[in-house]
PDB file of N, CA and C in Angstrom:
ATOM      1  N   MET A   1      21.892   6.145  14.491  1.00  0.00           N
ATOM      2  CA  MET A   1      20.916   5.120  14.795  1.00  0.00           C
ATOM      3  C   MET A   1      19.635   5.355  14.007  1.00  0.00           C
ATOM      4  N   ASP A   2      19.114   4.291  13.425  1.00  0.00           N
ATOM      5  CA  ASP A   2      17.860   4.369  12.693  1.00  0.00           C
ATOM      6  C   ASP A   2      16.760   3.799  13.581  1.00  0.00           C
ATOM      7  N   PRO A   3      15.781   4.613  13.965  1.00  0.00           N
ATOM      8  CA  PRO A   3      14.714   4.076  14.813  1.00  0.00           C
ATOM      9  C   PRO A   3      13.962   2.972  14.076  1.00  0.00           C
ATOM     10  N   GLN A   4      13.500   2.000  14.850  1.00  0.00           N
ATOM     11  CA  GLN A   4      12.782   0.882  14.237  1.00  0.00           C
ATOM     12  C   GLN A   4      11.496   1.384  13.588  1.00  0.00           C
ATOM     13  N   LYS A   5      11.252   0.909  12.389  1.00  0.00           N
ATOM     14  CA  LYS A   5      10.051   1.309  11.653  1.00  0.00           C
ATOM     15  C   LYS A   5       8.818   0.741  12.326  1.00  0.00           C
ATOM     16  N   LYS A   6       7.725   1.474  12.206  1.00  0.00           N
ATOM     17  CA  LYS A   6       6.478   1.041  12.810  1.00  0.00           C
ATOM     18  C   LYS A   6       5.499   0.592  11.735  1.00  0.00           C
ATOM     19  N   CYS A   7       4.645  -0.319  12.102  1.00  0.00           N
ATOM     20  CA  CYS A   7       3.603  -0.827  11.213  1.00  0.00           C
ATOM     21  C   CYS A   7       2.681   0.328  10.819  1.00  0.00           C
ATOM     22  N   PRO A   8       2.417   0.513   9.522  1.00  0.00           N
ATOM     23  CA  PRO A   8       1.555   1.622   9.096  1.00  0.00           C
ATOM     24  C   PRO A   8       0.080   1.413   9.460  1.00  0.00           C
ATOM     25  N   ILE A   9      -0.289   0.212   9.845  1.00  0.00           N
ATOM     26  CA  ILE A   9      -1.682  -0.068  10.199  1.00  0.00           C
ATOM     27  C   ILE A   9      -1.941   0.165  11.682  1.00  0.00           C
ATOM     28  N   CYS A  10      -1.087  -0.430  12.561  1.00  0.00           N
ATOM     29  CA  CYS A  10      -1.373  -0.361  13.996  1.00  0.00           C
ATOM     30  C   CYS A  10      -0.315   0.374  14.814  1.00  0.00           C
ATOM     31  N   GLY A  11       0.857   0.640  14.226  1.00  0.00           N
ATOM     32  CA  GLY A  11       1.888   1.381  14.929  1.00  0.00           C
ATOM     33  C   GLY A  11       2.856   0.547  15.744  1.00  0.00           C
ATOM     34  N   LYS A  12       2.654  -0.771  15.784  1.00  0.00           N
ATOM     35  CA  LYS A  12       3.591  -1.640  16.497  1.00  0.00           C
ATOM     36  C   LYS A  12       4.879  -1.761  15.689  1.00  0.00           C
ATOM     37  N   PRO A  13       5.981  -2.205  16.314  1.00  0.00           N
ATOM     38  CA  PRO A  13       7.232  -2.383  15.561  1.00  0.00           C
ATOM     39  C   PRO A  13       7.067  -3.403  14.430  1.00  0.00           C
ATOM     40  N   ALA A  14       7.636  -3.098  13.274  1.00  0.00           N
ATOM     41  CA  ALA A  14       7.567  -4.000  12.121  1.00  0.00           C
ATOM     42  C   ALA A  14       8.403  -5.246  12.374  1.00  0.00           C
ATOM     43  N   VAL A  15       7.988  -6.363  11.774  1.00  0.00           N
ATOM     44  CA  VAL A  15       8.669  -7.648  11.882  1.00  0.00           C
ATOM     45  C   VAL A  15       9.254  -7.969  10.512  1.00  0.00           C
ATOM     46  N   ASP A  16      10.499  -8.451  10.471  1.00  0.00           N
ATOM     47  CA  ASP A  16      11.171  -8.728   9.194  1.00  0.00           C
ATOM     48  C   ASP A  16      10.326  -9.578   8.258  1.00  0.00           C
ATOM     49  N   LYS A  17       9.665 -10.599   8.788  1.00  0.00           N
ATOM     50  CA  LYS A  17       8.892 -11.518   7.946  1.00  0.00           C
ATOM     51  C   LYS A  17       7.739 -10.814   7.228  1.00  0.00           C
ATOM     52  N   PHE A  18       7.183  -9.761   7.833  1.00  0.00           N
ATOM     53  CA  PHE A  18       6.013  -9.092   7.267  1.00  0.00           C
ATOM     54  C   PHE A  18       6.254  -7.631   6.933  1.00  0.00           C
ATOM     55  N   LYS A  19       7.507  -7.179   6.872  1.00  0.00           N
ATOM     56  CA  LYS A  19       7.809  -5.765   6.652  1.00  0.00           C
ATOM     57  C   LYS A  19       7.046  -5.222   5.465  1.00  0.00           C
ATOM     58  N   PRO A  20       6.498  -4.069   5.572  1.00  0.00           N
ATOM     59  CA  PRO A  20       6.631  -3.070   6.618  1.00  0.00           C
ATOM     60  C   PRO A  20       5.623  -3.253   7.751  1.00  0.00           C
ATOM     61  N   PHE A  21       4.943  -4.384   7.797  1.00  0.00           N
ATOM     62  CA  PHE A  21       3.907  -4.616   8.792  1.00  0.00           C
ATOM     63  C   PHE A  21       4.440  -5.412   9.981  1.00  0.00           C
ATOM     64  N   CYS A  22       3.598  -5.510  11.024  1.00  0.00           N
ATOM     65  CA  CYS A  22       3.999  -6.238  12.230  1.00  0.00           C
ATOM     66  C   CYS A  22       3.490  -7.670  12.216  1.00  0.00           C
ATOM     67  N   SER A  23       2.514  -7.964  11.368  1.00  0.00           N
ATOM     68  CA  SER A  23       1.911  -9.300  11.357  1.00  0.00           C
ATOM     69  C   SER A  23       1.208  -9.535  10.027  1.00  0.00           C
ATOM     70  N   LYS A  24       0.829 -10.784   9.810  1.00  0.00           N
ATOM     71  CA  LYS A  24       0.065 -11.133   8.607  1.00  0.00           C
ATOM     72  C   LYS A  24      -1.293 -10.434   8.632  1.00  0.00           C
ATOM     73  N   ARG A  25      -1.868 -10.297   9.824  1.00  0.00           N
ATOM     74  CA  ARG A  25      -3.158  -9.633   9.942  1.00  0.00           C
ATOM     75  C   ARG A  25      -3.092  -8.207   9.409  1.00  0.00           C
ATOM     76  N   CYS A  26      -2.084  -7.450   9.836  1.00  0.00           N
ATOM     77  CA  CYS A  26      -1.963  -6.070   9.361  1.00  0.00           C
ATOM     78  C   CYS A  26      -1.672  -6.024   7.862  1.00  0.00           C
ATOM     79  N   ALA A  27      -0.888  -6.970   7.349  1.00  0.00           N
ATOM     80  CA  ALA A  27      -0.630  -7.033   5.913  1.00  0.00           C
ATOM     81  C   ALA A  27      -1.936  -7.296   5.162  1.00  0.00           C
ATOM     82  N   ASP A  28      -2.775  -8.185   5.706  1.00  0.00           N
ATOM     83  CA  ASP A  28      -4.057  -8.493   5.076  1.00  0.00           C
ATOM     84  C   ASP A  28      -5.022  -7.313   5.141  1.00  0.00           C
ATOM     85  N   VAL A  29      -4.998  -6.570   6.238  1.00  0.00           N
ATOM     86  CA  VAL A  29      -5.831  -5.369   6.355  1.00  0.00           C
ATOM     87  C   VAL A  29      -5.448  -4.381   5.257  1.00  0.00           C
ATOM     88  N   ASP A  30      -4.142  -4.189   5.049  1.00  0.00           N
ATOM     89  CA  ASP A  30      -3.666  -3.271   4.017  1.00  0.00           C
ATOM     90  C   ASP A  30      -4.087  -3.746   2.624  1.00  0.00           C
ATOM     91  N   LEU A  31      -3.923  -5.042   2.352  1.00  0.00           N
ATOM     92  CA  LEU A  31      -4.326  -5.591   1.052  1.00  0.00           C
ATOM     93  C   LEU A  31      -5.817  -5.388   0.827  1.00  0.00           C
ATOM     94  N   ASN A  32      -6.621  -5.641   1.846  1.00  0.00           N
ATOM     95  CA  ASN A  32      -8.067  -5.449   1.720  1.00  0.00           C
ATOM     96  C   ASN A  32      -8.403  -3.994   1.404  1.00  0.00           C
ATOM     97  N   ARG A  33      -7.689  -3.070   2.017  1.00  0.00           N
ATOM     98  CA  ARG A  33      -7.945  -1.647   1.734  1.00  0.00           C
ATOM     99  C   ARG A  33      -7.656  -1.320   0.275  1.00  0.00           C
ATOM    100  N   TRP A  34      -6.586  -1.902  -0.294  1.00  0.00           N
ATOM    101  CA  TRP A  34      -6.293  -1.676  -1.712  1.00  0.00           C
ATOM    102  C   TRP A  34      -7.372  -2.301  -2.587  1.00  0.00           C
ATOM    103  N   LEU A  35      -7.767  -3.535  -2.260  1.00  0.00           N
ATOM    104  CA  LEU A  35      -8.718  -4.253  -3.106  1.00  0.00           C
ATOM    105  C   LEU A  35     -10.123  -3.663  -3.065  1.00  0.00           C
ATOM    106  N   THR A  36     -10.493  -3.031  -1.965  1.00  0.00           N
ATOM    107  CA  THR A  36     -11.838  -2.447  -1.863  1.00  0.00           C
ATOM    108  C   THR A  36     -11.882  -0.988  -2.289  1.00  0.00           C
ATOM    109  N   GLY A  37     -10.739  -0.420  -2.651  1.00  0.00           N
ATOM    110  CA  GLY A  37     -10.714   0.952  -3.140  1.00  0.00           C
ATOM    111  C   GLY A  37     -10.559   2.006  -2.065  1.00  0.00           C
ATOM    112  N   SER A  38     -10.235   1.590  -0.845  1.00  0.00           N
ATOM    113  CA  SER A  38     -10.010   2.577   0.219  1.00  0.00           C
ATOM    114  C   SER A  38      -8.776   3.415  -0.077  1.00  0.00           C
ATOM    115  N   TYR A  39      -7.803   2.806  -0.715  1.00  0.00           N
ATOM    116  CA  TYR A  39      -6.605   3.529  -1.151  1.00  0.00           C
ATOM    117  C   TYR A  39      -6.741   3.761  -2.646  1.00  0.00           C
ATOM    118  N   VAL A  40      -6.415   4.938  -3.087  1.00  0.00           N
ATOM    119  CA  VAL A  40      -6.428   5.223  -4.521  1.00  0.00           C
ATOM    120  C   VAL A  40      -5.207   6.050  -4.870  1.00  0.00           C
ATOM    121  N   ILE A  41      -4.765   5.907  -6.066  1.00  0.00           N
ATOM    122  CA  ILE A  41      -3.677   6.726  -6.590  1.00  0.00           C
ATOM    123  C   ILE A  41      -4.337   7.800  -7.436  1.00  0.00           C
ATOM    124  N   PRO A  42      -4.207   9.046  -7.034  1.00  0.00           N
ATOM    125  CA  PRO A  42      -4.917  10.097  -7.755  1.00  0.00           C
ATOM    126  C   PRO A  42      -4.409  10.254  -9.193  1.00  0.00           C
ATOM    127  N   ALA A  43      -5.335  10.506 -10.084  1.00  0.00           N
ATOM    128  CA  ALA A  43      -5.001  10.761 -11.482  1.00  0.00           C
ATOM    129  C   ALA A  43      -5.203  12.240 -11.751  1.00  0.00           C
ATOM    130  N   ARG A  44      -4.487  12.731 -12.724  1.00  0.00           N
ATOM    131  CA  ARG A  44      -4.645  14.135 -13.105  1.00  0.00           C
ATOM    132  C   ARG A  44      -5.546  14.213 -14.322  1.00  0.00           C
ATOM    133  N   ASP A  45      -6.428  15.189 -14.334  1.00  0.00           N
ATOM    134  CA  ASP A  45      -7.355  15.354 -15.456  1.00  0.00           C
ATOM    135  C   ASP A  45      -6.648  15.812 -16.729  1.00  0.00           C
ATOM    136  N   ASP A  46      -5.475  16.415 -16.595  1.00  0.00           N
ATOM    137  CA  ASP A  46      -4.796  16.934 -17.779  1.00  0.00           C
ATOM    138  C   ASP A  46      -3.865  15.903 -18.431  1.00  0.00           C
ATOM    139  N   GLU A  47      -3.871  14.660 -17.951  1.00  0.00           N
ATOM    140  CA  GLU A  47      -3.046  13.622 -18.577  1.00  0.00           C
ATOM    141  C   GLU A  47      -3.746  13.122 -19.838  1.00  0.00           C
ATOM    142  N   PRO A  48      -3.007  12.933 -20.926  1.00  0.00           N
ATOM    143  CA  PRO A  48      -3.631  12.413 -22.145  1.00  0.00           C
ATOM    144  C   PRO A  48      -4.023  10.942 -21.955  1.00  0.00           C
ATOM    145  N   PRO A  49      -5.072  10.491 -22.613  1.00  0.00           N
ATOM    146  CA  PRO A  49      -5.475   9.087 -22.496  1.00  0.00           C
ATOM    147  C   PRO A  49      -4.399   8.160 -23.052  1.00  0.00           C
ATOM    148  N   ILE A  50      -4.321   6.982 -22.492  1.00  0.00           N
ATOM    149  CA  ILE A  50      -3.356   5.979 -22.955  1.00  0.00           C
ATOM    150  C   ILE A  50      -3.904   5.351 -24.231  1.00  0.00           C
ATOM    151  N   GLU A  51      -3.095   5.342 -25.269  1.00  0.00           N
ATOM    152  CA  GLU A  51      -3.510   4.766 -26.537  1.00  0.00           C
ATOM    153  C   GLU A  51      -3.057   3.319 -26.602  1.00  0.00           C
ATOM    154  N   ASN A  52      -3.914   2.463 -27.101  1.00  0.00           N
ATOM    155  CA  ASN A  52      -3.602   1.054 -27.249  1.00  0.00           C
ATOM    156  C   ASN A  52      -3.340   0.778 -28.731  1.00  0.00           C
ATOM    157  N   ASP A  53      -2.095   0.441 -29.075  1.00  0.00           N
ATOM    158  CA  ASP A  53      -1.715   0.222 -30.468  1.00  0.00           C
ATOM    159  C   ASP A  53      -2.095  -1.162 -30.970  1.00  0.00           C
ATOM    160  N   ASP A  54      -2.609  -2.032 -30.098  1.00  0.00           N
ATOM    161  CA  ASP A  54      -2.943  -3.403 -30.497  1.00  0.00           C
ATOM    162  C   ASP A  54      -4.236  -3.492 -31.299  1.00  0.00           C
ATOM    163  N   GLU A  55      -5.037  -2.450 -31.274  1.00  0.00           N
ATOM    164  CA  GLU A  55      -6.332  -2.507 -31.962  1.00  0.00           C
ATOM    165  C   GLU A  55      -6.228  -2.126 -33.398  1.00  0.00           C
TER     166      GLU A  55
END
């Protein structure tokens, strides 16, 4: 048995229409967090810069 997944925002059971969230509200809260920079993907300082060949 696979336990029902929970909404990562509020912890309620996820709904198929809004998976992995329980509602449009929680999906919008998550989107807002990405757009305002609350969530970030860490970068490593030792990665070489990306070169743009179009210039």
